[in-house]
Amino acid sequence: MRRTGLPAHDLRILDPLLSYPSTVLGRERAIVINLEHIKAIITAHEVLLLNSRDPSVTPFVEELHSRILRHHQAQGAAVAAAASDDSKLSKVYDTEEGQSREGQDEDEDPDPVGEEVKSQSKQNDIQNGDGMKILPFEFVALEACLEAACSVLENEAKTLEQEAHPALDKLTSKISTLNLERVHQIKSRLVAITGRVQKVRDELEHLLDDKDDMAEMYLTDKLQQLHSSSASSINDDDVDNDHHNQLDVDDRHVYICIPPEISLEEGGAAASDDYNQHDDDRLLVGVSRDSRASTTYSTTTKHLDVEELEMLLEAYFVQIDGTLNKLSTLREYVDDTEDYINIMLDDKQNHLLQMGVMLTTSTLVVSAFVVVAGIFGMNIHIELFDSNVAGNREFFWTVGGNTAGTIFLYVVAISWCKYKRLLE
């Protein structure tokens, strides 16, 4: 906490025993990152990893080390190039300055604000030495973290997509318990990965929508502004002390208050008025310098240019959004397959229902034949049972008539069901 200036609440986000969503926090002196397997604290000069010995984090550590090494080499080359350019320009500037100062007074004081602006422009020239902006250290580490998290999620999405399509196609061709179980597991993994990707995307979108949070992540700029403001305040104090000492030695009579009622000589009055006017101008310049130095840090912190960080976050936002679109497309494919399976099952169920209707109808019709057979089976005396009156011919006519009547009733029942669209 002393090293990074972070409160305990921010450090609790990195606790592996607690399940916190993906988070990127910008604080005064550090950036807290909790993205997937990466839990890190980034300052303006170092990166603190919580689980650096984890096998899943080892590739990220190696990549981060190589990125920091390349950044250090590029920054050193840019500083060397800027130093050589400054040495050439300083010779020309000294020559022109010597010629321009020949007609100036020797008592004129240098402008410390101008020197500060020159030093600040030199720093910008060092950063822009190759024509390309060298990212600060914290952005290099942040980019490595974002790339590692987005790459892990994208690889998992690709692996899941490669496993999902064959399983879904196999389930479409043959519905079985094994295929249904495989698709169920794939869908569970899909829901989990989609949730993780959505959390990372929401965090990046939140950062892009809030420029104040992005401004908090400019740790190097804030550190440089803090140092420059402290140095400028010290230089202004020294200049003011030298200025007042010189005024005390050279023109002590200026501090005597002359009331307006006292009349002086014309020449003396003009000289004193000119001197007082000159002294007021010099004091106003000093006040303006003090106010400018005191408001430099606050103004720049309020109006930080977050274009670099915005472009960096937008690049990985597009990448994670593409991964989310792939998962959404896969989710739609799974839903379509489920709908197709449900349609197939419903169709089979409809066929079974139709078969049940036909069997029920046939059973009803046959039961009418059974009723007729039961009637003839009773112990009654009719001419049909008398062998002298009726024979086999009457028996076959009776049985055939009942059978034909049964078939006729079945056809009528099925035709009526089709007419009412109860059957296909």
Protein backbone atom coordinates (compact mmCIF):
# COMPACT_ATOMS: atom_id res chain seq x y z
CA MET A 1 0.00 0.00 0.00
CA ARG A 2 2.86 2.40 0.74
CA ARG A 3 4.60 1.44 -2.47
CA THR A 4 1.65 1.99 -4.77
CA GLY A 5 -0.60 4.29 -2.76
CA LEU A 6 -3.60 1.97 -3.24
CA PRO A 7 -6.32 1.52 -0.61
CA ALA A 8 -7.18 -1.88 0.79
CA HIS A 9 -10.41 -2.00 -1.21
CA ASP A 10 -8.51 -1.90 -4.50
CA LEU A 11 -6.06 -4.57 -3.34
CA ARG A 12 -8.98 -6.80 -2.38
CA ILE A 13 -9.88 -7.01 -6.07
CA LEU A 14 -6.69 -9.03 -6.67
CA ASP A 15 -7.47 -11.57 -3.92
CA PRO A 16 -7.59 -15.03 -5.58
CA LEU A 17 -9.97 -16.31 -2.90
CA LEU A 18 -12.59 -13.72 -3.87
CA SER A 19 -14.38 -13.81 -7.20
CA TYR A 20 -14.34 -10.31 -8.66
CA PRO A 21 -15.32 -9.52 -12.26
CA SER A 22 -12.83 -8.21 -14.81
CA THR A 23 -11.69 -4.79 -13.63
CA VAL A 24 -9.26 -2.08 -14.80
CA LEU A 25 -8.90 0.74 -12.28
CA GLY A 26 -6.87 3.92 -12.71
CA ARG A 27 -5.60 5.47 -9.50
CA GLU A 28 -3.26 8.33 -8.60
CA ARG A 29 -0.02 6.35 -8.75
CA ALA A 30 -0.99 2.92 -10.09
CA ILE A 31 -3.30 0.94 -12.35
CA VAL A 32 -5.05 -2.14 -10.92
CA ILE A 33 -5.76 -4.90 -13.46
CA ASN A 34 -7.84 -8.01 -12.90
CA LEU A 35 -8.37 -9.61 -16.31
CA GLU A 36 -8.90 -13.36 -16.42
CA HIS A 37 -5.71 -15.01 -15.16
CA ILE A 38 -3.76 -11.72 -15.02
CA LYS A 39 -3.75 -9.90 -11.69
CA ALA A 40 -1.28 -7.04 -11.73
CA ILE A 41 -0.51 -3.56 -10.40
CA ILE A 42 1.15 -1.19 -12.87
CA THR A 43 3.02 1.90 -11.75
CA ALA A 44 5.03 4.42 -13.76
CA HIS A 45 8.21 2.35 -13.33
CA GLU A 46 7.30 -1.27 -12.52
CA VAL A 47 4.74 -4.06 -12.81
CA LEU A 48 3.72 -6.14 -9.79
CA LEU A 49 2.22 -9.57 -10.60
CA LEU A 50 0.29 -11.50 -8.00
CA ASN A 51 0.52 -14.99 -9.57
CA SER A 52 3.75 -14.81 -11.56
CA ARG A 53 4.61 -18.49 -10.89
CA ASP A 54 1.33 -19.78 -12.27
CA PRO A 55 2.00 -21.90 -15.41
CA SER A 56 -0.78 -20.08 -17.26
CA VAL A 57 0.88 -16.72 -16.49
CA THR A 58 4.41 -17.75 -17.49
CA PRO A 59 3.95 -16.94 -21.22
CA PHE A 60 2.57 -13.55 -20.28
CA VAL A 61 5.57 -12.84 -18.04
CA GLU A 62 7.96 -13.65 -20.87
CA GLU A 63 6.02 -11.50 -23.33
CA LEU A 64 5.87 -8.64 -20.85
CA HIS A 65 9.61 -8.87 -20.24
CA SER A 66 10.36 -8.72 -23.96
CA ARG A 67 7.99 -5.76 -24.45
CA ILE A 68 9.57 -3.81 -21.60
CA LEU A 69 13.04 -4.56 -22.95
CA ARG A 70 12.07 -3.33 -26.43
CA HIS A 71 10.46 -0.24 -24.92
CA HIS A 72 13.63 0.51 -22.93
CA GLN A 73 15.80 0.12 -26.02
CA ALA A 74 13.52 2.30 -28.14
CA GLN A 75 13.39 4.96 -25.46
CA GLY A 76 17.18 4.92 -25.10
CA ALA A 77 17.63 5.26 -28.86
CA ALA A 78 15.12 8.11 -28.96
CA VAL A 79 16.88 9.91 -26.10
CA ALA A 80 20.25 9.54 -27.82
CA ALA A 81 18.85 10.82 -31.13
CA ALA A 82 17.14 13.74 -29.41
CA ALA A 83 20.32 14.59 -27.52
CA SER A 84 22.35 14.72 -30.74
CA ASP A 85 19.71 16.93 -32.36
CA ASP A 86 19.63 19.21 -29.33
CA SER A 87 23.42 19.58 -29.38
CA LYS A 88 23.29 20.71 -33.02
CA LEU A 89 20.42 23.07 -32.40
CA SER A 90 22.01 24.50 -29.26
CA LYS A 91 25.06 25.67 -31.20
CA VAL A 92 22.92 27.52 -33.71
CA TYR A 93 20.69 28.85 -30.97
CA ASP A 94 23.66 30.09 -28.92
CA THR A 95 25.09 31.89 -31.95
CA GLU A 96 21.80 33.58 -32.80
CA GLU A 97 21.12 34.37 -29.16
CA GLY A 98 24.54 35.97 -28.75
CA GLN A 99 23.93 38.18 -31.77
CA SER A 100 20.42 39.13 -30.65
CA ARG A 101 21.52 40.02 -27.11
CA GLU A 102 24.16 42.50 -28.18
CA GLY A 103 21.58 45.32 -28.24
CA GLN A 104 19.81 44.29 -25.02
CA ASP A 105 20.45 45.50 -21.47
CA GLU A 106 22.70 43.44 -19.26
CA ASP A 107 20.27 43.79 -16.33
CA GLU A 108 17.36 41.97 -18.06
CA ASP A 109 16.42 38.78 -16.21
CA PRO A 110 15.88 35.46 -18.03
CA ASP A 111 12.37 34.08 -18.16
CA PRO A 112 12.14 30.84 -16.16
CA VAL A 113 8.76 30.05 -17.69
CA GLY A 114 10.29 30.16 -21.15
CA GLU A 115 13.07 27.86 -20.02
CA GLU A 116 10.47 25.48 -18.62
CA VAL A 117 8.56 25.50 -21.91
CA LYS A 118 11.81 24.82 -23.78
CA SER A 119 12.66 21.91 -21.49
CA GLN A 120 9.15 20.54 -21.89
CA SER A 121 9.40 20.80 -25.68
CA LYS A 122 12.73 18.97 -25.54
CA GLN A 123 11.07 16.14 -23.67
CA ASN A 124 8.38 15.98 -26.32
CA ASP A 125 11.03 15.96 -29.03
CA ILE A 126 12.70 13.02 -27.32
CA GLN A 127 9.47 11.14 -27.35
CA ASN A 128 8.84 12.02 -30.98
CA GLY A 129 12.39 11.47 -32.16
CA ASP A 130 11.58 8.77 -34.74
CA GLY A 131 8.37 10.41 -35.90
CA MET A 132 6.37 7.83 -33.89
CA LYS A 133 5.06 8.34 -30.40
CA ILE A 134 6.73 6.09 -27.83
CA LEU A 135 4.09 4.86 -25.42
CA PRO A 136 4.70 5.39 -21.70
CA PHE A 137 5.75 2.46 -19.58
CA GLU A 138 2.31 1.96 -18.04
CA PHE A 139 0.65 1.77 -21.46
CA VAL A 140 3.16 -0.82 -22.66
CA ALA A 141 2.36 -3.01 -19.65
CA LEU A 142 -1.39 -2.34 -20.01
CA GLU A 143 -1.27 -3.34 -23.67
CA ALA A 144 0.49 -6.59 -22.78
CA CYS A 145 -2.19 -7.39 -20.18
CA LEU A 146 -5.04 -6.62 -22.56
CA GLU A 147 -3.47 -8.62 -25.37
CA ALA A 148 -2.90 -11.64 -23.12
CA ALA A 149 -6.46 -11.60 -21.78
CA CYS A 150 -8.05 -11.08 -25.21
CA SER A 151 -5.85 -13.78 -26.76
CA VAL A 152 -6.79 -16.33 -24.09
CA LEU A 153 -10.49 -15.66 -24.56
CA GLU A 154 -10.19 -15.75 -28.35
CA ASN A 155 -8.31 -19.07 -28.29
CA GLU A 156 -10.92 -20.61 -25.99
CA ALA A 157 -13.68 -19.37 -28.29
CA LYS A 158 -11.98 -20.88 -31.35
CA THR A 159 -11.45 -24.22 -29.60
CA LEU A 160 -15.08 -24.31 -28.50
CA GLU A 161 -16.24 -23.45 -32.00
CA GLN A 162 -14.17 -26.26 -33.51
CA GLU A 163 -15.68 -28.75 -31.06
CA ALA A 164 -19.25 -27.46 -31.30
CA HIS A 165 -19.94 -27.70 -35.03
CA PRO A 166 -19.19 -31.47 -35.42
CA ALA A 167 -21.14 -32.31 -32.27
CA LEU A 168 -24.15 -30.30 -33.39
CA ASP A 169 -24.08 -31.81 -36.88
CA LYS A 170 -23.86 -35.30 -35.41
CA LEU A 171 -26.80 -34.60 -33.13
CA THR A 172 -28.82 -33.38 -36.10
CA SER A 173 -28.20 -36.58 -38.02
CA LYS A 174 -28.81 -38.89 -35.06
CA ILE A 175 -30.56 -38.00 -31.84
CA SER A 176 -29.09 -40.05 -29.03
CA THR A 177 -28.36 -39.67 -25.34
CA LEU A 178 -24.59 -39.47 -25.92
CA ASN A 179 -24.91 -36.72 -28.52
CA LEU A 180 -27.32 -34.78 -26.34
CA GLU A 181 -24.89 -34.96 -23.41
CA ARG A 182 -22.02 -33.65 -25.53
CA VAL A 183 -24.10 -30.73 -26.78
CA HIS A 184 -25.19 -29.97 -23.22
CA GLN A 185 -21.56 -29.72 -22.07
CA ILE A 186 -20.65 -27.52 -25.05
CA LYS A 187 -23.55 -25.19 -24.28
CA SER A 188 -22.48 -24.90 -20.64
CA ARG A 189 -18.95 -23.94 -21.69
CA LEU A 190 -20.36 -21.49 -24.22
CA VAL A 191 -22.41 -19.71 -21.57
CA ALA A 192 -19.40 -19.46 -19.24
CA ILE A 193 -17.02 -18.09 -21.90
CA THR A 194 -19.64 -15.64 -23.16
CA GLY A 195 -20.05 -14.25 -19.64
CA ARG A 196 -16.30 -13.74 -19.23
CA VAL A 197 -15.96 -12.06 -22.62
CA GLN A 198 -18.95 -9.84 -21.89
CA LYS A 199 -17.40 -8.67 -18.62
CA VAL A 200 -14.13 -7.70 -20.31
CA ARG A 201 -16.02 -5.92 -23.08
CA ASP A 202 -18.17 -4.01 -20.60
CA GLU A 203 -15.09 -2.90 -18.67
CA LEU A 204 -13.37 -1.59 -21.81
CA GLU A 205 -16.56 0.14 -22.91
CA HIS A 206 -16.85 1.79 -19.50
CA LEU A 207 -13.28 3.10 -19.76
CA LEU A 208 -13.87 4.43 -23.28
CA ASP A 209 -17.00 6.25 -22.15
CA ASP A 210 -15.29 7.93 -19.17
CA LYS A 211 -12.35 10.16 -20.12
CA ASP A 212 -11.64 10.99 -16.50
CA ASP A 213 -10.83 7.35 -15.78
CA MET A 214 -8.56 7.26 -18.83
CA ALA A 215 -6.84 10.46 -17.69
CA GLU A 216 -6.08 8.81 -14.34
CA MET A 217 -4.02 6.16 -16.16
CA TYR A 218 -1.43 8.66 -17.44
CA LEU A 219 0.95 7.90 -14.59
CA THR A 220 4.14 9.05 -16.33
CA ASP A 221 2.63 12.36 -17.41
CA LYS A 222 1.27 13.04 -13.94
CA LEU A 223 4.67 12.25 -12.44
CA GLN A 224 6.46 14.54 -14.89
CA GLN A 225 3.95 17.33 -14.32
CA LEU A 226 4.35 16.98 -10.59
CA HIS A 227 8.13 17.24 -10.87
CA SER A 228 7.98 20.13 -13.33
CA SER A 229 5.52 22.06 -11.16
CA SER A 230 7.68 21.58 -8.06
CA ALA A 231 10.82 22.58 -9.98
CA SER A 232 9.14 25.65 -11.47
CA SER A 233 7.89 26.77 -8.06
CA ILE A 234 11.43 26.49 -6.65
CA ASN A 235 12.87 28.43 -9.61
CA ASP A 236 10.22 31.13 -9.26
CA ASP A 237 11.03 31.51 -5.57
CA ASP A 238 14.73 31.88 -6.39
CA VAL A 239 14.00 34.42 -9.11
CA ASP A 240 11.74 36.44 -6.82
CA ASN A 241 14.38 36.45 -4.06
CA ASP A 242 17.08 37.61 -6.47
CA HIS A 243 14.73 40.22 -7.87
CA HIS A 244 13.88 41.67 -4.46
CA ASN A 245 17.52 41.60 -3.36
CA GLN A 246 18.54 43.52 -6.46
CA LEU A 247 15.80 46.08 -5.90
CA ASP A 248 16.87 46.53 -2.26
CA VAL A 249 20.46 47.16 -3.23
CA ASP A 250 19.97 49.40 -6.26
CA ASP A 251 16.81 51.37 -5.60
CA ARG A 252 16.06 51.53 -1.93
CA HIS A 253 14.22 54.86 -2.24
CA VAL A 254 11.49 53.27 -4.35
CA TYR A 255 9.91 51.67 -1.26
CA ILE A 256 9.34 55.14 0.34
CA CYS A 257 5.70 56.05 -0.03
CA ILE A 258 5.30 59.53 -1.54
CA PRO A 259 1.88 60.97 -0.93
CA PRO A 260 0.22 62.64 -3.91
CA GLU A 261 -0.09 65.95 -2.09
CA ILE A 262 3.69 66.52 -2.06
CA SER A 263 4.87 68.22 -5.22
CA LEU A 264 8.22 67.23 -6.70
CA GLU A 265 10.26 68.69 -9.45
CA GLU A 266 9.14 68.03 -12.95
CA GLY A 267 12.17 65.97 -13.90
CA GLY A 268 12.25 64.05 -10.64
CA ALA A 269 8.55 63.35 -10.81
CA ALA A 270 8.85 62.01 -14.33
CA ALA A 271 11.78 59.83 -13.39
CA SER A 272 10.08 58.45 -10.30
CA ASP A 273 6.87 57.81 -12.19
CA ASP A 274 8.74 55.98 -14.94
CA TYR A 275 10.55 53.89 -12.41
CA ASN A 276 7.38 53.09 -10.48
CA GLN A 277 5.67 52.08 -13.72
CA HIS A 278 8.64 49.86 -14.59
CA ASP A 279 8.61 48.35 -11.10
CA ASP A 280 4.87 47.64 -11.30
CA ASP A 281 5.34 45.90 -14.64
CA ARG A 282 8.09 43.72 -13.21
CA LEU A 283 5.98 42.85 -10.18
CA LEU A 284 3.03 41.96 -12.42
CA VAL A 285 5.27 39.70 -14.46
CA GLY A 286 6.34 37.96 -11.27
CA VAL A 287 2.75 37.48 -10.17
CA SER A 288 1.76 36.10 -13.56
CA ARG A 289 4.67 33.68 -13.41
CA ASP A 290 3.59 32.46 -9.99
CA SER A 291 -0.01 31.98 -11.04
CA ARG A 292 1.05 30.22 -14.24
CA ALA A 293 3.33 27.82 -12.39
CA SER A 294 0.72 27.05 -9.75
CA THR A 295 -2.01 26.29 -12.29
CA THR A 296 0.12 24.29 -14.74
CA TYR A 297 -0.48 20.91 -13.08
CA SER A 298 -4.19 21.39 -12.40
CA THR A 299 -4.94 22.66 -15.91
CA THR A 300 -3.07 19.87 -17.65
CA THR A 301 -4.60 17.20 -15.47
CA LYS A 302 -8.08 18.43 -16.29
CA HIS A 303 -7.41 18.64 -20.02
CA LEU A 304 -5.23 15.61 -20.63
CA ASP A 305 -5.18 14.34 -24.18
CA VAL A 306 -6.41 10.75 -23.87
CA GLU A 307 -6.22 10.02 -27.58
CA GLU A 308 -3.33 7.54 -27.22
CA LEU A 309 -5.03 5.47 -24.53
CA GLU A 310 -8.36 5.73 -26.33
CA MET A 311 -6.85 4.31 -29.53
CA LEU A 312 -5.18 1.53 -27.52
CA LEU A 313 -8.40 0.57 -25.74
CA GLU A 314 -10.44 0.79 -28.94
CA ALA A 315 -8.14 -1.70 -30.68
CA TYR A 316 -8.67 -4.35 -28.00
CA PHE A 317 -12.34 -3.41 -27.66
CA VAL A 318 -12.78 -4.25 -31.34
CA GLN A 319 -10.93 -7.54 -30.81
CA ILE A 320 -12.96 -8.59 -27.77
CA ASP A 321 -16.15 -7.45 -29.52
CA GLY A 322 -15.27 -9.69 -32.47
CA THR A 323 -14.79 -12.61 -30.08
CA LEU A 324 -18.17 -11.86 -28.52
CA ASN A 325 -19.76 -11.79 -31.98
CA LYS A 326 -18.27 -15.21 -32.76
CA LEU A 327 -19.68 -16.60 -29.54
CA SER A 328 -23.05 -15.00 -30.28
CA THR A 329 -23.05 -16.61 -33.72
CA LEU A 330 -22.19 -19.96 -32.16
CA ARG A 331 -24.93 -19.47 -29.59
CA GLU A 332 -27.41 -18.79 -32.39
CA TYR A 333 -26.24 -21.94 -34.18
CA VAL A 334 -26.78 -23.96 -31.00
CA ASP A 335 -30.22 -22.43 -30.53
CA ASP A 336 -31.12 -23.19 -34.16
CA THR A 337 -29.98 -26.78 -33.70
CA GLU A 338 -32.06 -27.07 -30.54
CA ASP A 339 -35.08 -25.69 -32.40
CA TYR A 340 -34.52 -28.16 -35.21
CA ILE A 341 -34.25 -31.05 -32.75
CA ASN A 342 -37.42 -29.90 -31.01
CA ILE A 343 -39.20 -29.74 -34.35
CA MET A 344 -38.06 -33.25 -35.19
CA LEU A 345 -39.21 -34.53 -31.81
CA ASP A 346 -42.54 -32.76 -32.18
CA ASP A 347 -43.00 -34.30 -35.61
CA LYS A 348 -42.32 -37.76 -34.24
CA GLN A 349 -44.68 -37.09 -31.39
CA ASN A 350 -47.36 -36.03 -33.87
CA HIS A 351 -46.89 -39.26 -35.81
CA LEU A 352 -47.26 -41.23 -32.61
CA LEU A 353 -50.43 -39.36 -31.75
CA GLN A 354 -51.86 -40.05 -35.19
CA MET A 355 -51.03 -43.72 -34.83
CA GLY A 356 -52.76 -43.70 -31.47
CA VAL A 357 -55.86 -42.12 -33.00
CA MET A 358 -55.97 -44.74 -35.75
CA LEU A 359 -55.52 -47.60 -33.29
CA THR A 360 -58.19 -46.21 -31.01
CA THR A 361 -60.57 -45.89 -33.96
CA SER A 362 -59.92 -49.46 -35.10
CA THR A 363 -60.43 -50.74 -31.58
CA LEU A 364 -63.78 -48.94 -31.40
CA VAL A 365 -64.93 -50.40 -34.71
CA VAL A 366 -63.80 -53.92 -33.84
CA SER A 367 -65.61 -53.66 -30.53
CA ALA A 368 -68.84 -53.25 -32.54
CA PHE A 369 -68.10 -56.56 -34.29
CA VAL A 370 -67.39 -58.11 -30.91
CA VAL A 371 -70.78 -56.90 -29.71
CA VAL A 372 -72.49 -58.67 -32.61
CA ALA A 373 -70.51 -61.84 -31.94
CA GLY A 374 -71.49 -61.66 -28.28
CA ILE A 375 -75.12 -61.36 -29.18
CA PHE A 376 -74.93 -64.47 -31.32
CA GLY A 377 -73.18 -66.30 -28.56
CA MET A 378 -76.09 -66.05 -26.21
CA ASN A 379 -78.16 -69.18 -25.45
CA ILE A 380 -81.19 -68.24 -27.51
CA HIS A 381 -83.30 -70.10 -30.00
CA ILE A 382 -83.54 -68.49 -33.45
CA GLU A 383 -83.87 -69.85 -36.94
CA LEU A 384 -80.24 -69.12 -37.70
CA PHE A 385 -79.20 -71.77 -35.21
CA ASP A 386 -81.59 -74.36 -36.61
CA SER A 387 -79.74 -76.70 -38.94
CA ASN A 388 -82.88 -77.59 -40.83
CA VAL A 389 -83.60 -73.98 -41.76
CA ALA A 390 -80.11 -72.31 -41.97
CA GLY A 391 -76.71 -73.66 -42.92
CA ASN A 392 -73.21 -72.56 -43.71
CA ARG A 393 -74.35 -70.06 -46.27
CA GLU A 394 -76.27 -67.99 -43.77
CA PHE A 395 -73.35 -68.18 -41.33
CA PHE A 396 -70.86 -66.83 -43.84
CA TRP A 397 -73.25 -64.11 -44.88
CA THR A 398 -73.58 -63.02 -41.29
CA VAL A 399 -69.85 -63.00 -40.62
CA GLY A 400 -69.08 -61.26 -43.92
CA GLY A 401 -71.69 -58.62 -43.36
CA ASN A 402 -70.33 -57.81 -39.91
CA THR A 403 -66.79 -57.61 -41.24
CA ALA A 404 -67.82 -55.36 -44.13
CA GLY A 405 -69.77 -53.15 -41.73
CA THR A 406 -66.77 -52.91 -39.43
CA ILE A 407 -64.46 -51.89 -42.29
CA PHE A 408 -66.99 -49.37 -43.53
CA LEU A 409 -67.27 -47.79 -40.10
CA TYR A 410 -63.45 -47.58 -39.81
CA VAL A 411 -63.15 -45.86 -43.18
CA VAL A 412 -65.85 -43.42 -42.28
CA ALA A 413 -64.16 -42.60 -38.95
CA ILE A 414 -60.74 -42.02 -40.56
CA SER A 415 -62.26 -39.90 -43.33
CA TRP A 416 -64.01 -37.74 -40.78
CA CYS A 417 -60.74 -37.26 -38.83
CA LYS A 418 -58.93 -36.19 -41.98
CA TYR A 419 -61.79 -33.91 -42.91
CA LYS A 420 -61.46 -32.25 -39.49
CA ARG A 421 -57.63 -32.18 -39.98
CA LEU A 422 -57.07 -34.36 -36.97
CA LEU A 423 -54.96 -36.63 -39.15
CA GLU A 424 -52.67 -35.93 -42.09
